[in-house]
N, C-alpha and C. Protein backbone atom coordinates (compact mmCIF):
# COMPACT_ATOMS: atom_id res chain seq x y z
N MET A 1 -4.91 -24.69 -20.88
CA MET A 1 -4.19 -23.93 -19.91
C MET A 1 -5.08 -23.34 -18.79
N THR A 2 -4.41 -23.54 -17.59
CA THR A 2 -5.16 -23.03 -16.47
C THR A 2 -4.81 -21.60 -16.11
N ALA A 3 -5.74 -21.02 -15.45
CA ALA A 3 -5.54 -19.55 -14.97
C ALA A 3 -4.57 -19.60 -13.85
N PRO A 4 -3.60 -18.64 -13.88
CA PRO A 4 -2.61 -18.60 -12.66
C PRO A 4 -3.29 -18.29 -11.49
N THR A 5 -2.83 -18.76 -10.36
CA THR A 5 -3.40 -18.46 -9.08
C THR A 5 -2.72 -17.09 -8.52
N VAL A 6 -3.43 -16.38 -7.82
CA VAL A 6 -3.00 -15.14 -7.28
C VAL A 6 -2.61 -15.36 -5.79
N GLN A 7 -1.40 -15.00 -5.58
CA GLN A 7 -1.00 -15.18 -4.14
C GLN A 7 -1.01 -13.86 -3.37
N SER A 8 -1.57 -13.85 -2.23
CA SER A 8 -1.60 -12.56 -1.42
C SER A 8 -1.40 -12.87 0.02
N MET A 9 -0.81 -11.87 0.66
CA MET A 9 -0.55 -11.90 2.16
C MET A 9 -0.84 -10.48 2.73
N THR A 10 -1.18 -10.45 3.97
CA THR A 10 -1.32 -9.15 4.66
C THR A 10 -0.07 -8.78 5.36
N VAL A 11 0.43 -7.70 5.10
CA VAL A 11 1.64 -7.22 5.83
C VAL A 11 1.39 -5.82 6.45
N ARG A 12 2.16 -5.44 7.44
CA ARG A 12 2.06 -4.08 7.94
C ARG A 12 3.27 -3.24 7.59
N ALA A 13 3.03 -2.05 7.23
CA ALA A 13 4.02 -1.03 6.78
C ALA A 13 4.86 -0.53 7.94
N HIS A 14 6.22 -0.30 7.64
CA HIS A 14 7.12 0.29 8.59
C HIS A 14 6.86 1.90 8.36
N GLN A 15 7.53 2.64 9.36
CA GLN A 15 7.31 4.08 9.41
C GLN A 15 7.93 4.72 8.11
N HIS A 16 7.15 5.62 7.50
CA HIS A 16 7.56 6.26 6.29
C HIS A 16 7.96 5.49 5.15
N GLU A 17 7.23 4.30 5.05
CA GLU A 17 7.50 3.32 3.96
C GLU A 17 6.64 3.64 2.72
N THR A 18 6.99 3.53 1.55
CA THR A 18 6.19 3.57 0.39
C THR A 18 5.68 2.18 -0.05
N LEU A 19 4.68 2.21 -0.84
CA LEU A 19 4.13 0.94 -1.32
C LEU A 19 5.10 0.14 -2.13
N ASP A 20 5.90 0.87 -3.07
CA ASP A 20 6.92 0.14 -3.72
C ASP A 20 8.05 -0.50 -2.92
N GLY A 21 8.34 0.22 -1.82
CA GLY A 21 9.21 -0.18 -0.87
C GLY A 21 8.84 -1.33 -0.07
N LEU A 22 7.53 -1.54 0.28
CA LEU A 22 6.90 -2.52 0.92
C LEU A 22 6.94 -3.77 0.11
N ALA A 23 6.66 -3.63 -1.22
CA ALA A 23 6.68 -4.76 -2.14
C ALA A 23 8.13 -5.15 -2.27
N TRP A 24 9.08 -4.24 -2.41
CA TRP A 24 10.40 -4.66 -2.56
C TRP A 24 10.88 -5.54 -1.29
N ARG A 25 10.61 -5.01 -0.10
CA ARG A 25 10.97 -5.57 1.18
C ARG A 25 10.47 -6.98 1.17
N GLN A 26 9.16 -7.27 0.79
CA GLN A 26 8.58 -8.56 1.06
C GLN A 26 8.67 -9.40 -0.13
N LEU A 27 8.74 -8.96 -1.40
CA LEU A 27 8.75 -9.91 -2.58
C LEU A 27 10.01 -9.75 -3.26
N GLY A 28 10.88 -8.81 -3.01
CA GLY A 28 12.27 -8.69 -3.71
C GLY A 28 11.93 -8.20 -5.15
N SER A 29 10.91 -7.54 -5.54
CA SER A 29 10.71 -7.01 -6.81
C SER A 29 9.35 -6.15 -6.74
N THR A 30 9.29 -5.20 -7.74
CA THR A 30 8.04 -4.37 -7.69
C THR A 30 7.26 -4.64 -8.97
N ALA A 31 7.92 -5.27 -9.99
CA ALA A 31 7.26 -5.37 -11.34
C ALA A 31 5.81 -6.14 -11.31
N GLY A 32 4.93 -5.36 -11.37
CA GLY A 32 3.51 -5.96 -11.49
C GLY A 32 2.92 -6.06 -10.13
N HIS A 33 3.70 -6.15 -9.04
CA HIS A 33 3.03 -6.42 -7.74
C HIS A 33 2.33 -5.16 -7.31
N VAL A 34 3.00 -4.06 -7.36
CA VAL A 34 2.42 -2.78 -6.94
C VAL A 34 1.08 -2.51 -7.56
N GLU A 35 0.97 -2.65 -8.85
CA GLU A 35 -0.28 -2.46 -9.58
C GLU A 35 -1.31 -3.53 -9.06
N ALA A 36 -0.94 -4.74 -8.93
CA ALA A 36 -1.96 -5.80 -8.47
C ALA A 36 -2.32 -5.38 -7.10
N THR A 37 -1.53 -4.96 -6.19
CA THR A 37 -1.86 -4.51 -4.92
C THR A 37 -2.73 -3.34 -4.82
N LEU A 38 -2.56 -2.47 -5.69
CA LEU A 38 -3.48 -1.29 -5.71
C LEU A 38 -4.75 -1.68 -6.25
N ALA A 39 -4.96 -2.62 -7.01
CA ALA A 39 -6.19 -3.09 -7.62
C ALA A 39 -6.89 -3.86 -6.48
N ALA A 40 -6.15 -4.35 -5.63
CA ALA A 40 -6.86 -5.15 -4.61
C ALA A 40 -7.18 -4.58 -3.29
N ASN A 41 -6.65 -3.23 -3.12
CA ASN A 41 -6.84 -2.43 -2.02
C ASN A 41 -7.42 -1.11 -2.37
N PRO A 42 -8.72 -0.93 -2.41
CA PRO A 42 -9.48 0.32 -2.93
C PRO A 42 -8.97 1.38 -1.85
N GLY A 43 -8.61 2.60 -2.36
CA GLY A 43 -8.31 3.71 -1.53
C GLY A 43 -6.84 3.68 -1.14
N LEU A 44 -6.08 2.68 -1.52
CA LEU A 44 -4.64 2.55 -0.98
C LEU A 44 -3.72 3.59 -1.77
N ALA A 45 -4.24 3.93 -2.95
CA ALA A 45 -3.44 4.87 -3.93
C ALA A 45 -3.10 6.21 -3.13
N ARG A 46 -4.13 6.67 -2.32
CA ARG A 46 -3.99 8.04 -1.59
C ARG A 46 -2.82 7.86 -0.65
N LEU A 47 -2.44 6.66 -0.08
CA LEU A 47 -1.48 6.61 0.92
C LEU A 47 -0.26 5.97 0.46
N ALA A 48 -0.17 5.55 -0.75
CA ALA A 48 1.03 4.82 -1.26
C ALA A 48 2.42 5.55 -1.31
N ALA A 49 2.38 6.84 -1.29
CA ALA A 49 3.63 7.51 -1.25
C ALA A 49 4.31 7.53 0.11
N ASP A 50 3.35 7.51 1.20
CA ASP A 50 3.95 7.59 2.50
C ASP A 50 2.82 6.85 3.44
N LEU A 51 3.08 5.49 3.49
CA LEU A 51 2.14 4.68 4.31
C LEU A 51 2.20 4.92 5.76
N PRO A 52 1.21 5.04 6.50
CA PRO A 52 1.24 5.19 7.99
C PRO A 52 1.83 3.94 8.53
N GLU A 53 2.70 4.17 9.72
CA GLU A 53 3.24 2.94 10.39
C GLU A 53 2.23 2.06 10.92
N GLY A 54 2.37 0.74 10.44
CA GLY A 54 1.34 -0.22 10.88
C GLY A 54 0.20 -0.39 10.10
N GLN A 55 0.14 0.26 8.93
CA GLN A 55 -1.00 0.19 7.92
C GLN A 55 -0.87 -1.21 7.34
N ALA A 56 -2.15 -1.79 7.50
CA ALA A 56 -2.23 -3.17 6.93
C ALA A 56 -2.43 -3.12 5.55
N VAL A 57 -1.60 -3.84 4.59
CA VAL A 57 -1.68 -3.81 3.17
C VAL A 57 -1.84 -5.37 2.66
N ARG A 58 -2.94 -5.56 1.94
CA ARG A 58 -3.06 -6.99 1.29
C ARG A 58 -2.03 -6.89 0.09
N LEU A 59 -0.86 -7.47 0.29
CA LEU A 59 0.10 -7.40 -0.84
C LEU A 59 -0.10 -8.64 -1.66
N VAL A 60 -0.33 -8.14 -2.99
CA VAL A 60 -0.62 -9.31 -4.05
C VAL A 60 0.69 -9.55 -4.87
N LYS A 61 1.04 -10.80 -4.93
CA LYS A 61 2.03 -11.29 -5.89
C LYS A 61 1.57 -11.55 -7.23
N ALA A 62 1.90 -10.70 -8.12
CA ALA A 62 1.49 -10.78 -9.58
C ALA A 62 2.02 -12.01 -10.30
N PRO A 63 1.25 -12.63 -11.08
CA PRO A 63 1.77 -13.89 -11.86
C PRO A 63 2.89 -13.39 -12.87
N GLU A 64 3.91 -14.29 -13.02
CA GLU A 64 5.03 -14.04 -13.93
C GLU A 64 4.33 -13.88 -15.40
N PRO A 65 4.88 -12.96 -16.21
CA PRO A 65 4.34 -12.77 -17.50
C PRO A 65 4.76 -13.99 -18.35
N GLU A 66 3.83 -14.34 -19.30
CA GLU A 66 4.27 -15.47 -20.12
C GLU A 66 5.10 -14.83 -21.27
N ARG A 67 6.25 -15.51 -21.65
CA ARG A 67 7.09 -15.17 -22.58
C ARG A 67 7.08 -16.17 -23.73
N ALA A 68 7.01 -15.54 -24.92
CA ALA A 68 7.06 -16.49 -26.16
C ALA A 68 8.45 -16.95 -26.41
N MET A 69 8.49 -18.28 -26.70
CA MET A 69 9.85 -18.90 -26.90
C MET A 69 10.28 -18.36 -28.37
N VAL A 70 11.58 -17.98 -28.41
CA VAL A 70 12.17 -17.48 -29.66
C VAL A 70 13.20 -18.48 -30.13
N TYR A 71 12.97 -19.06 -31.27
CA TYR A 71 13.98 -20.01 -31.77
C TYR A 71 14.93 -19.30 -32.92
N LEU A 72 16.19 -19.47 -32.84
CA LEU A 72 16.95 -18.71 -33.81
C LEU A 72 16.95 -19.36 -35.07
N TRP A 73 16.86 -20.67 -35.13
CA TRP A 73 16.88 -21.39 -36.36
C TRP A 73 15.66 -22.24 -36.49
N ASP A 74 14.77 -21.94 -37.30
CA ASP A 74 13.46 -22.68 -37.46
C ASP A 74 13.41 -23.26 -38.92
């Protein structure tokens, strides 16, 4: 099994935008993306609640979690 590739892009924040709002606007979801973005951007956690307008953020798209297949009749 190969390791999943991490996709990232640099985006700029709108006025009074939060990090989870930015993730939702760009990726349509926040699950795992906010945590991966915080890990990729040291010091961003201090600004995450109210990003300055125009703040560049390296937004990381987290890989989909692996789900075990459940068979009802085995």
